[in-house]
PDB file of N, CA and C in Angstrom:
ATOM      1  N   GLN A   1      37.755 -63.700 -30.593  1.00  0.00           N
ATOM      2  CA  GLN A   1      36.953 -64.698 -31.275  1.00  0.00           C
ATOM      3  C   GLN A   1      36.945 -64.436 -32.791  1.00  0.00           C
ATOM      4  N   GLU A   2      36.848 -63.164 -33.209  1.00  0.00           N
ATOM      5  CA  GLU A   2      36.854 -62.870 -34.646  1.00  0.00           C
ATOM      6  C   GLU A   2      38.169 -63.288 -35.289  1.00  0.00           C
ATOM      7  N   LEU A   3      39.282 -63.063 -34.602  1.00  0.00           N
ATOM      8  CA  LEU A   3      40.584 -63.441 -35.165  1.00  0.00           C
ATOM      9  C   LEU A   3      40.668 -64.949 -35.366  1.00  0.00           C
ATOM     10  N   THR A   4      40.095 -65.695 -34.459  1.00  0.00           N
ATOM     11  CA  THR A   4      40.068 -67.156 -34.602  1.00  0.00           C
ATOM     12  C   THR A   4      39.241 -67.551 -35.823  1.00  0.00           C
ATOM     13  N   MET A   5      38.097 -66.885 -36.011  1.00  0.00           N
ATOM     14  CA  MET A   5      37.255 -67.172 -37.179  1.00  0.00           C
ATOM     15  C   MET A   5      38.002 -66.850 -38.468  1.00  0.00           C
ATOM     16  N   ILE A   6      38.700 -65.721 -38.488  1.00  0.00           N
ATOM     17  CA  ILE A   6      39.459 -65.331 -39.683  1.00  0.00           C
ATOM     18  C   ILE A   6      40.547 -66.353 -39.969  1.00  0.00           C
ATOM     19  N   GLU A   7      41.244 -66.785 -38.927  1.00  0.00           N
ATOM     20  CA  GLU A   7      42.291 -67.795 -39.127  1.00  0.00           C
ATOM     21  C   GLU A   7      41.694 -69.105 -39.629  1.00  0.00           C
ATOM     22  N   ASP A   8      40.540 -69.472 -39.133  1.00  0.00           N
ATOM     23  CA  ASP A   8      39.860 -70.678 -39.625  1.00  0.00           C
ATOM     24  C   ASP A   8      39.484 -70.525 -41.096  1.00  0.00           C
ATOM     25  N   GLN A   9      39.066 -69.326 -41.495  1.00  0.00           N
ATOM     26  CA  GLN A   9      38.638 -69.085 -42.867  1.00  0.00           C
ATOM     27  C   GLN A   9      39.818 -69.042 -43.835  1.00  0.00           C
ATOM     28  N   LEU A  10      40.876 -68.331 -43.479  1.00  0.00           N
ATOM     29  CA  LEU A  10      41.992 -68.093 -44.401  1.00  0.00           C
ATOM     30  C   LEU A  10      43.210 -68.967 -44.154  1.00  0.00           C
ATOM     31  N   GLY A  11      43.309 -69.519 -42.976  1.00  0.00           N
ATOM     32  CA  GLY A  11      44.504 -70.282 -42.617  1.00  0.00           C
ATOM     33  C   GLY A  11      45.551 -69.417 -41.922  1.00  0.00           C
ATOM     34  N   TYR A  12      45.295 -68.124 -41.838  1.00  0.00           N
ATOM     35  CA  TYR A  12      46.170 -67.187 -41.131  1.00  0.00           C
ATOM     36  C   TYR A  12      45.402 -65.890 -40.927  1.00  0.00           C
ATOM     37  N   VAL A  13      45.905 -65.061 -40.042  1.00  0.00           N
ATOM     38  CA  VAL A  13      45.342 -63.723 -39.871  1.00  0.00           C
ATOM     39  C   VAL A  13      46.247 -62.761 -40.624  1.00  0.00           C
ATOM     40  N   PRO A  14      45.725 -62.028 -41.591  1.00  0.00           N
ATOM     41  CA  PRO A  14      46.580 -61.105 -42.337  1.00  0.00           C
ATOM     42  C   PRO A  14      47.289 -60.134 -41.385  1.00  0.00           C
ATOM     43  N   PRO A  15      48.604 -59.984 -41.527  1.00  0.00           N
ATOM     44  CA  PRO A  15      49.338 -59.106 -40.612  1.00  0.00           C
ATOM     45  C   PRO A  15      48.966 -57.633 -40.781  1.00  0.00           C
ATOM     46  N   ASN A  16      48.349 -57.307 -41.897  1.00  0.00           N
ATOM     47  CA  ASN A  16      47.964 -55.926 -42.163  1.00  0.00           C
ATOM     48  C   ASN A  16      46.457 -55.701 -41.966  1.00  0.00           C
ATOM     49  N   LEU A  17      45.812 -56.579 -41.221  1.00  0.00           N
ATOM     50  CA  LEU A  17      44.378 -56.471 -40.960  1.00  0.00           C
ATOM     51  C   LEU A  17      44.085 -55.203 -40.169  1.00  0.00           C
ATOM     52  N   LEU A  18      43.153 -54.398 -40.674  1.00  0.00           N
ATOM     53  CA  LEU A  18      42.724 -53.204 -39.949  1.00  0.00           C
ATOM     54  C   LEU A  18      41.414 -53.455 -39.208  1.00  0.00           C
ATOM     55  N   SER A  19      40.466 -54.083 -39.895  1.00  0.00           N
ATOM     56  CA  SER A  19      39.181 -54.347 -39.253  1.00  0.00           C
ATOM     57  C   SER A  19      38.367 -55.324 -40.096  1.00  0.00           C
ATOM     58  N   VAL A  20      37.304 -55.807 -39.504  1.00  0.00           N
ATOM     59  CA  VAL A  20      36.319 -56.594 -40.250  1.00  0.00           C
ATOM     60  C   VAL A  20      35.362 -55.584 -40.878  1.00  0.00           C
ATOM     61  N   ALA A  21      35.274 -55.600 -42.193  1.00  0.00           N
ATOM     62  CA  ALA A  21      34.453 -54.625 -42.914  1.00  0.00           C
ATOM     63  C   ALA A  21      32.998 -55.059 -43.012  1.00  0.00           C
ATOM     64  N   ALA A  22      32.736 -56.348 -42.967  1.00  0.00           N
ATOM     65  CA  ALA A  22      31.356 -56.838 -43.072  1.00  0.00           C
ATOM     66  C   ALA A  22      31.239 -58.188 -42.374  1.00  0.00           C
ATOM     67  N   HIS A  23      30.063 -58.424 -41.847  1.00  0.00           N
ATOM     68  CA  HIS A  23      29.734 -59.691 -41.194  1.00  0.00           C
ATOM     69  C   HIS A  23      28.526 -60.306 -41.886  1.00  0.00           C
ATOM     70  N   SER A  24      28.439 -61.612 -41.797  1.00  0.00           N
ATOM     71  CA  SER A  24      27.266 -62.308 -42.298  1.00  0.00           C
ATOM     72  C   SER A  24      26.408 -62.703 -41.111  1.00  0.00           C
ATOM     73  N   SER A  25      25.131 -62.580 -41.285  1.00  0.00           N
ATOM     74  CA  SER A  25      24.222 -63.015 -40.231  1.00  0.00           C
ATOM     75  C   SER A  25      23.381 -64.203 -40.692  1.00  0.00           C
ATOM     76  N   VAL A  26      23.819 -64.828 -41.788  1.00  0.00           N
ATOM     77  CA  VAL A  26      23.073 -65.962 -42.322  1.00  0.00           C
ATOM     78  C   VAL A  26      23.180 -67.163 -41.397  1.00  0.00           C
ATOM     79  N   LEU A  27      24.358 -67.379 -40.866  1.00  0.00           N
ATOM     80  CA  LEU A  27      24.549 -68.489 -39.935  1.00  0.00           C
ATOM     81  C   LEU A  27      24.080 -68.063 -38.551  1.00  0.00           C
ATOM     82  N   PRO A  28      23.857 -69.018 -37.654  1.00  0.00           N
ATOM     83  CA  PRO A  28      23.425 -68.656 -36.298  1.00  0.00           C
ATOM     84  C   PRO A  28      24.410 -67.713 -35.589  1.00  0.00           C
ATOM     85  N   THR A  29      25.689 -67.869 -35.877  1.00  0.00           N
ATOM     86  CA  THR A  29      26.701 -66.997 -35.293  1.00  0.00           C
ATOM     87  C   THR A  29      27.237 -66.078 -36.382  1.00  0.00           C
ATOM     88  N   PRO A  30      27.131 -64.760 -36.213  1.00  0.00           N
ATOM     89  CA  PRO A  30      27.697 -63.854 -37.221  1.00  0.00           C
ATOM     90  C   PRO A  30      29.184 -64.141 -37.410  1.00  0.00           C
ATOM     91  N   HIS A  31      29.625 -64.094 -38.657  1.00  0.00           N
ATOM     92  CA  HIS A  31      31.034 -64.354 -38.927  1.00  0.00           C
ATOM     93  C   HIS A  31      31.553 -63.327 -39.932  1.00  0.00           C
ATOM     94  N   PRO A  32      32.860 -63.079 -39.921  1.00  0.00           N
ATOM     95  CA  PRO A  32      33.448 -62.117 -40.863  1.00  0.00           C
ATOM     96  C   PRO A  32      33.257 -62.599 -42.300  1.00  0.00           C
ATOM     97  N   THR A  33      32.906 -61.656 -43.175  1.00  0.00           N
ATOM     98  CA  THR A  33      32.809 -61.990 -44.599  1.00  0.00           C
ATOM     99  C   THR A  33      33.774 -61.160 -45.428  1.00  0.00           C
ATOM    100  N   ALA A  34      34.080 -59.931 -44.981  1.00  0.00           N
ATOM    101  CA  ALA A  34      35.003 -59.063 -45.711  1.00  0.00           C
ATOM    102  C   ALA A  34      35.912 -58.358 -44.708  1.00  0.00           C
ATOM    103  N   LEU A  35      37.177 -58.246 -45.090  1.00  0.00           N
ATOM    104  CA  LEU A  35      38.169 -57.619 -44.222  1.00  0.00           C
ATOM    105  C   LEU A  35      38.714 -56.365 -44.880  1.00  0.00           C
ATOM    106  N   LEU A  36      39.026 -55.368 -44.070  1.00  0.00           N
ATOM    107  CA  LEU A  36      39.719 -54.175 -44.536  1.00  0.00           C
ATOM    108  C   LEU A  36      41.171 -54.335 -44.114  1.00  0.00           C
ATOM    109  N   VAL A  37      42.071 -54.295 -45.091  1.00  0.00           N
ATOM    110  CA  VAL A  37      43.493 -54.476 -44.800  1.00  0.00           C
ATOM    111  C   VAL A  37      44.290 -53.275 -45.275  1.00  0.00           C
ATOM    112  N   TYR A  38      45.384 -52.996 -44.589  1.00  0.00           N
ATOM    113  CA  TYR A  38      46.288 -51.931 -44.979  1.00  0.00           C
ATOM    114  C   TYR A  38      46.992 -52.371 -46.262  1.00  0.00           C
ATOM    115  N   PRO A  39      47.174 -51.476 -47.231  1.00  0.00           N
ATOM    116  CA  PRO A  39      47.688 -51.911 -48.541  1.00  0.00           C
ATOM    117  C   PRO A  39      49.178 -52.239 -48.593  1.00  0.00           C
ATOM    118  N   LEU A  40      49.910 -52.071 -47.506  1.00  0.00           N
ATOM    119  CA  LEU A  40      51.333 -52.428 -47.497  1.00  0.00           C
ATOM    120  C   LEU A  40      51.559 -53.584 -46.535  1.00  0.00           C
ATOM    121  N   GLY A  41      52.504 -54.448 -46.900  1.00  0.00           N
ATOM    122  CA  GLY A  41      52.909 -55.528 -46.008  1.00  0.00           C
ATOM    123  C   GLY A  41      51.900 -56.643 -45.871  1.00  0.00           C
ATOM    124  N   GLY A  42      51.057 -56.836 -46.872  1.00  0.00           N
ATOM    125  CA  GLY A  42      50.020 -57.848 -46.736  1.00  0.00           C
ATOM    126  C   GLY A  42      50.187 -59.016 -47.674  1.00  0.00           C
ATOM    127  N   GLY A  43      49.179 -59.819 -47.702  1.00  0.00           N
ATOM    128  CA  GLY A  43      49.173 -60.999 -48.541  1.00  0.00           C
ATOM    129  C   GLY A  43      49.643 -62.220 -47.785  1.00  0.00           C
ATOM    130  N   SER A  44      49.766 -63.288 -48.501  1.00  0.00           N
ATOM    131  CA  SER A  44      50.178 -64.548 -47.895  1.00  0.00           C
ATOM    132  C   SER A  44      51.642 -64.478 -47.469  1.00  0.00           C
ATOM    133  N   LYS A  45      52.066 -65.452 -46.688  1.00  0.00           N
ATOM    134  CA  LYS A  45      53.470 -65.504 -46.255  1.00  0.00           C
ATOM    135  C   LYS A  45      54.406 -65.547 -47.462  1.00  0.00           C
ATOM    136  N   ARG A  46      54.008 -66.284 -48.502  1.00  0.00           N
ATOM    137  CA  ARG A  46      54.828 -66.393 -49.707  1.00  0.00           C
ATOM    138  C   ARG A  46      55.007 -65.026 -50.363  1.00  0.00           C
ATOM    139  N   ARG A  47      53.922 -64.263 -50.486  1.00  0.00           N
ATOM    140  CA  ARG A  47      54.013 -62.935 -51.097  1.00  0.00           C
ATOM    141  C   ARG A  47      54.840 -62.000 -50.227  1.00  0.00           C
ATOM    142  N   ARG A  48      54.629 -62.053 -48.918  1.00  0.00           N
ATOM    143  CA  ARG A  48      55.396 -61.183 -48.013  1.00  0.00           C
ATOM    144  C   ARG A  48      56.875 -61.511 -48.071  1.00  0.00           C
ATOM    145  N   ALA A  49      57.220 -62.792 -48.210  1.00  0.00           N
ATOM    146  CA  ALA A  49      58.630 -63.181 -48.293  1.00  0.00           C
ATOM    147  C   ALA A  49      59.264 -62.630 -49.562  1.00  0.00           C
ATOM    148  N   ARG A  50      58.542 -62.673 -50.680  1.00  0.00           N
ATOM    149  CA  ARG A  50      59.060 -62.128 -51.940  1.00  0.00           C
ATOM    150  C   ARG A  50      59.252 -60.624 -51.847  1.00  0.00           C
ATOM    151  N   ALA A  51      58.378 -59.952 -51.109  1.00  0.00           N
ATOM    152  CA  ALA A  51      58.398 -58.495 -51.055  1.00  0.00           C
ATOM    153  C   ALA A  51      58.955 -57.977 -49.735  1.00  0.00           C
ATOM    154  N   GLU A  52      59.785 -58.791 -49.073  1.00  0.00           N
ATOM    155  CA  GLU A  52      60.251 -58.452 -47.726  1.00  0.00           C
ATOM    156  C   GLU A  52      60.833 -57.045 -47.628  1.00  0.00           C
ATOM    157  N   GLN A  53      61.682 -56.674 -48.562  1.00  0.00           N
ATOM    158  CA  GLN A  53      62.296 -55.355 -48.528  1.00  0.00           C
ATOM    159  C   GLN A  53      61.567 -54.342 -49.412  1.00  0.00           C
ATOM    160  N   ASP A  54      60.539 -54.793 -50.081  1.00  0.00           N
ATOM    161  CA  ASP A  54      59.831 -53.955 -51.033  1.00  0.00           C
ATOM    162  C   ASP A  54      58.437 -53.664 -50.498  1.00  0.00           C
ATOM    163  N   LEU A  55      58.124 -52.406 -50.270  1.00  0.00           N
ATOM    164  CA  LEU A  55      56.803 -52.054 -49.763  1.00  0.00           C
ATOM    165  C   LEU A  55      55.852 -51.698 -50.894  1.00  0.00           C
ATOM    166  N   THR A  56      55.868 -52.515 -51.927  1.00  0.00           N
ATOM    167  CA  THR A  56      54.947 -52.325 -53.042  1.00  0.00           C
ATOM    168  C   THR A  56      53.519 -52.492 -52.530  1.00  0.00           C
ATOM    169  N   PRO A  57      52.658 -51.536 -52.813  1.00  0.00           N
ATOM    170  CA  PRO A  57      51.272 -51.664 -52.345  1.00  0.00           C
ATOM    171  C   PRO A  57      50.591 -52.898 -52.928  1.00  0.00           C
ATOM    172  N   PHE A  58      49.827 -53.541 -52.122  1.00  0.00           N
ATOM    173  CA  PHE A  58      48.979 -54.644 -52.566  1.00  0.00           C
ATOM    174  C   PHE A  58      47.649 -53.998 -52.931  1.00  0.00           C
ATOM    175  N   PRO A  59      47.206 -54.101 -54.162  1.00  0.00           N
ATOM    176  CA  PRO A  59      46.094 -53.268 -54.638  1.00  0.00           C
ATOM    177  C   PRO A  59      44.738 -53.546 -54.007  1.00  0.00           C
ATOM    178  N   THR A  60      44.565 -54.679 -53.402  1.00  0.00           N
ATOM    179  CA  THR A  60      43.260 -55.024 -52.855  1.00  0.00           C
ATOM    180  C   THR A  60      43.222 -54.688 -51.367  1.00  0.00           C
ATOM    181  N   ILE A  61      42.361 -53.749 -50.994  1.00  0.00           N
ATOM    182  CA  ILE A  61      42.278 -53.408 -49.570  1.00  0.00           C
ATOM    183  C   ILE A  61      41.098 -54.086 -48.886  1.00  0.00           C
ATOM    184  N   TYR A  62      40.172 -54.623 -49.661  1.00  0.00           N
ATOM    185  CA  TYR A  62      39.073 -55.403 -49.097  1.00  0.00           C
ATOM    186  C   TYR A  62      39.249 -56.854 -49.531  1.00  0.00           C
ATOM    187  N   TRP A  63      39.269 -57.743 -48.575  1.00  0.00           N
ATOM    188  CA  TRP A  63      39.417 -59.168 -48.864  1.00  0.00           C
ATOM    189  C   TRP A  63      38.165 -59.903 -48.423  1.00  0.00           C
ATOM    190  N   LEU A  64      37.723 -60.843 -49.246  1.00  0.00           N
ATOM    191  CA  LEU A  64      36.656 -61.739 -48.811  1.00  0.00           C
ATOM    192  C   LEU A  64      37.295 -62.810 -47.930  1.00  0.00           C
ATOM    193  N   SER A  65      36.724 -63.033 -46.784  1.00  0.00           N
ATOM    194  CA  SER A  65      37.261 -64.071 -45.901  1.00  0.00           C
ATOM    195  C   SER A  65      36.341 -65.281 -45.823  1.00  0.00           C
ATOM    196  N   CYS A  66      35.089 -65.109 -46.155  1.00  0.00           N
ATOM    197  CA  CYS A  66      34.113 -66.196 -46.079  1.00  0.00           C
ATOM    198  C   CYS A  66      34.367 -67.206 -47.205  1.00  0.00           C
ATOM    199  N   PRO A  67      34.622 -68.465 -46.879  1.00  0.00           N
ATOM    200  CA  PRO A  67      34.896 -69.462 -47.919  1.00  0.00           C
ATOM    201  C   PRO A  67      33.776 -69.599 -48.951  1.00  0.00           C
ATOM    202  N   ALA A  68      32.521 -69.523 -48.526  1.00  0.00           N
ATOM    203  CA  ALA A  68      31.409 -69.666 -49.478  1.00  0.00           C
ATOM    204  C   ALA A  68      31.384 -68.500 -50.462  1.00  0.00           C
ATOM    205  N   LEU A  69      31.613 -67.287 -49.972  1.00  0.00           N
ATOM    206  CA  LEU A  69      31.649 -66.126 -50.870  1.00  0.00           C
ATOM    207  C   LEU A  69      32.850 -66.192 -51.807  1.00  0.00           C
ATOM    208  N   ARG A  70      34.011 -66.570 -51.280  1.00  0.00           N
ATOM    209  CA  ARG A  70      35.204 -66.680 -52.135  1.00  0.00           C
ATOM    210  C   ARG A  70      34.972 -67.693 -53.239  1.00  0.00           C
ATOM    211  N   SER A  71      34.346 -68.793 -52.904  1.00  0.00           N
ATOM    212  CA  SER A  71      34.052 -69.832 -53.898  1.00  0.00           C
ATOM    213  C   SER A  71      33.088 -69.321 -54.967  1.00  0.00           C
ATOM    214  N   ALA A  72      32.045 -68.614 -54.544  1.00  0.00           N
ATOM    215  CA  ALA A  72      31.069 -68.086 -55.501  1.00  0.00           C
ATOM    216  C   ALA A  72      31.709 -67.059 -56.429  1.00  0.00           C
ATOM    217  N   ILE A  73      32.529 -66.177 -55.888  1.00  0.00           N
ATOM    218  CA  ILE A  73      33.210 -65.169 -56.705  1.00  0.00           C
ATOM    219  C   ILE A  73      34.197 -65.850 -57.651  1.00  0.00           C
ATOM    220  N   SER A  74      34.887 -66.861 -57.188  1.00  0.00           N
ATOM    221  CA  SER A  74      35.831 -67.592 -58.050  1.00  0.00           C
ATOM    222  C   SER A  74      35.115 -68.204 -59.248  1.00  0.00           C
ATOM    223  N   ARG A  75      33.928 -68.742 -59.010  1.00  0.00           N
ATOM    224  CA  ARG A  75      33.165 -69.322 -60.123  1.00  0.00           C
ATOM    225  C   ARG A  75      32.781 -68.245 -61.149  1.00  0.00           C
ATOM    226  N   LEU A  76      32.390 -67.069 -60.663  1.00  0.00           N
ATOM    227  CA  LEU A  76      32.052 -65.969 -61.577  1.00  0.00           C
ATOM    228  C   LEU A  76      33.287 -65.512 -62.363  1.00  0.00           C
ATOM    229  N   GLU A  77      34.428 -65.427 -61.684  1.00  0.00           N
ATOM    230  CA  GLU A  77      35.663 -65.041 -62.370  1.00  0.00           C
ATOM    231  C   GLU A  77      36.044 -66.085 -63.414  1.00  0.00           C
ATOM    232  N   TYR A  78      35.905 -67.366 -63.061  1.00  0.00           N
ATOM    233  CA  TYR A  78      36.233 -68.448 -63.985  1.00  0.00           C
ATOM    234  C   TYR A  78      35.370 -68.382 -65.248  1.00  0.00           C
ATOM    235  N   ARG A  79      34.129 -67.972 -65.100  1.00  0.00           N
ATOM    236  CA  ARG A  79      33.210 -67.864 -66.233  1.00  0.00           C
ATOM    237  C   ARG A  79      33.459 -66.620 -67.082  1.00  0.00           C
ATOM    238  N   GLY A  80      34.418 -65.789 -66.685  1.00  0.00           N
ATOM    239  CA  GLY A  80      34.780 -64.635 -67.492  1.00  0.00           C
ATOM    240  C   GLY A  80      34.047 -63.352 -67.155  1.00  0.00           C
ATOM    241  N   LEU A  81      33.431 -63.295 -65.985  1.00  0.00           N
ATOM    242  CA  LEU A  81      32.653 -62.107 -65.640  1.00  0.00           C
ATOM    243  C   LEU A  81      33.527 -60.851 -65.532  1.00  0.00           C
ATOM    244  N   VAL A  82      34.741 -60.985 -65.006  1.00  0.00           N
ATOM    245  CA  VAL A  82      35.613 -59.811 -64.868  1.00  0.00           C
ATOM    246  C   VAL A  82      35.911 -59.219 -66.239  1.00  0.00           C
ATOM    247  N   GLU A  83      36.284 -60.051 -67.195  1.00  0.00           N
ATOM    248  CA  GLU A  83      36.568 -59.572 -68.542  1.00  0.00           C
ATOM    249  C   GLU A  83      35.332 -58.939 -69.178  1.00  0.00           C
ATOM    250  N   GLU A  84      34.184 -59.549 -68.952  1.00  0.00           N
ATOM    251  CA  GLU A  84      32.935 -59.011 -69.495  1.00  0.00           C
ATOM    252  C   GLU A  84      32.644 -57.618 -68.924  1.00  0.00           C
ATOM    253  N   LEU A  85      32.807 -57.470 -67.622  1.00  0.00           N
ATOM    254  CA  LEU A  85      32.552 -56.167 -66.998  1.00  0.00           C
ATOM    255  C   LEU A  85      33.577 -55.123 -67.437  1.00  0.00           C
ATOM    256  N   GLU A  86      34.848 -55.537 -67.571  1.00  0.00           N
ATOM    257  CA  GLU A  86      35.866 -54.601 -68.053  1.00  0.00           C
ATOM    258  C   GLU A  86      35.556 -54.136 -69.474  1.00  0.00           C
ATOM    259  N   ALA A  87      35.088 -55.058 -70.308  1.00  0.00           N
ATOM    260  CA  ALA A  87      34.717 -54.694 -71.679  1.00  0.00           C
ATOM    261  C   ALA A  87      33.547 -53.723 -71.684  1.00  0.00           C
ATOM    262  N   ARG A  88      32.565 -53.970 -70.845  1.00  0.00           N
ATOM    263  CA  ARG A  88      31.420 -53.046 -70.748  1.00  0.00           C
ATOM    264  C   ARG A  88      31.856 -51.669 -70.287  1.00  0.00           C
ATOM    265  N   LEU A  89      32.751 -51.626 -69.322  1.00  0.00           N
ATOM    266  CA  LEU A  89      33.261 -50.330 -68.863  1.00  0.00           C
ATOM    267  C   LEU A  89      34.025 -49.615 -69.969  1.00  0.00           C
ATOM    268  N   GLY A  90      34.752 -50.362 -70.773  1.00  0.00           N
ATOM    269  CA  GLY A  90      35.484 -49.775 -71.877  1.00  0.00           C
ATOM    270  C   GLY A  90      34.570 -49.173 -72.942  1.00  0.00           C
ATOM    271  N   ARG A  91      33.407 -49.790 -73.117  1.00  0.00           N
ATOM    272  CA  ARG A  91      32.449 -49.290 -74.110  1.00  0.00           C
ATOM    273  C   ARG A  91      31.614 -48.132 -73.570  1.00  0.00           C
ATOM    274  N   ASP A  92      31.359 -48.143 -72.268  1.00  0.00           N
ATOM    275  CA  ASP A  92      30.462 -47.140 -71.685  1.00  0.00           C
ATOM    276  C   ASP A  92      30.996 -46.697 -70.330  1.00  0.00           C
ATOM    277  N   PRO A  93      32.052 -45.877 -70.348  1.00  0.00           N
ATOM    278  CA  PRO A  93      32.641 -45.447 -69.061  1.00  0.00           C
ATOM    279  C   PRO A  93      31.671 -44.559 -68.335  1.00  0.00           C
TER     280      PRO A  93
END
C-alpha cells in the first residue's frame, strides 16, 4: 500500500528506495512524507538514463514525497530562502 501511495505522489517508485523515513498523520490515513533513498542509481528515469553507466552519487538521500510539502518547500526556495540560509552560514558557521 505504501508503494502505491509513493507512486501516486511521485509518478513512480524510486528504484533506490530504502524506506519511508517519515509519515504524516494529518490526513485520516497516514501517508509517506519523506523517503530514504540509496545515493546511487536514483532519480527520475531521465536522470538514470543519462547516468546509466555512471554511478555518480545523487547527493540527496532524503526526498519529500508529499505533494503539499514539496509545494511549500518550492515556494520557500523560489523566495530565496536557500540563498539566505547559505549566506547566514557563511557569516556564522
